[in-house]
Amino acid sequence: MNQRNIRLILQYDGTDYIGWQRQPAYRGCSIQETVEKALARTLYHPVSLDASGRTDAGVHAFAQVANFRTENPIPCPGLFLSLNHLLPPDILVREVSEAEPDFHARLLARAKTYRYCLCQGRLPLWDRRWAWDLGKKLDLELMQKAAVSFIGEHDFRSFTVSSCRAKSFSRRIESIRIWKPEEDKNEMPWKIFPGTLLIEVTGSGFLQKMVRLMVARLVAIGKKELPPEAIAEYLAGKRQTPAPPAPPQGLMLWEVRY
């Protein structure tokens, strides 16, 4: 039988998962493992998924891309229905399609876009899984001014964690914007919270916790705890002060480009 290469676009709420990547059972349940189990039940053979990237524990996805190979002839519409029937409510398959034989979700990704949701007001308890509940107004203009320093190719070793094992810390940021989505309801797949700010970052690739550390320092600038020029100083290695990353619940993998 001919081997097929199947592409999935997945949406998930990462709150109750240890992240995308499959890990030893004692660490908890991953998105990858959950989807692979549903695929195995549908296709009657083990499946190994390749994804565009590994989201951390608690991080969400609006359009995670993954692919796998199978000789099972089940049509894509049937696979779509079966997976969404078997998967838990916090994981949704948005699309199933036949991919080119050489398609690889991670290796061929040209750019990824992440969005981070900040709330300057006070969130109800049940909404706190979707945003960083700051409860404090930020200086948007200062944050926008500082964010420009991220554009281009830089050494981002000051924007990752010590456990990062990347061979190179050089990454290219194509664009970054910070705005209030109050009037544009299409800007987010969830409701707009009081005092919402969105930070959107598009780049060729990202280091471990890189976006969350970028957000954390932009928030510090918005609180006037750091000057706007601090971003350029971190990138140049002139400022070394460590900072914890922004909480995972505000982060969402928004789009992957090929």
Foldseek 3Di string as FASTA:
>chain_A
DDKFKKKWWKWFQQAQAQKADDDPPVVDHHVQVQLQVLVCVVQVHGWHKFWQDIAGRLATAPTIMIITMDPRPDDQVVSQVSSQVRGDPRMHTPGMDTDDPPDGNHPPFQKWKKKFKAACCADDPVCCLAHQDPVHFFDQVLLQLLCVLLAAWFQQPLQADPPWPDPGSIWHWHDKDKDQCVPPPVPDPDDHDHRMMMIMTMTRDATHLRVQSSVVVSRCCRVVVDGSCVNNCSRVVNDRDHDDGHDNSRMYGYDTHD
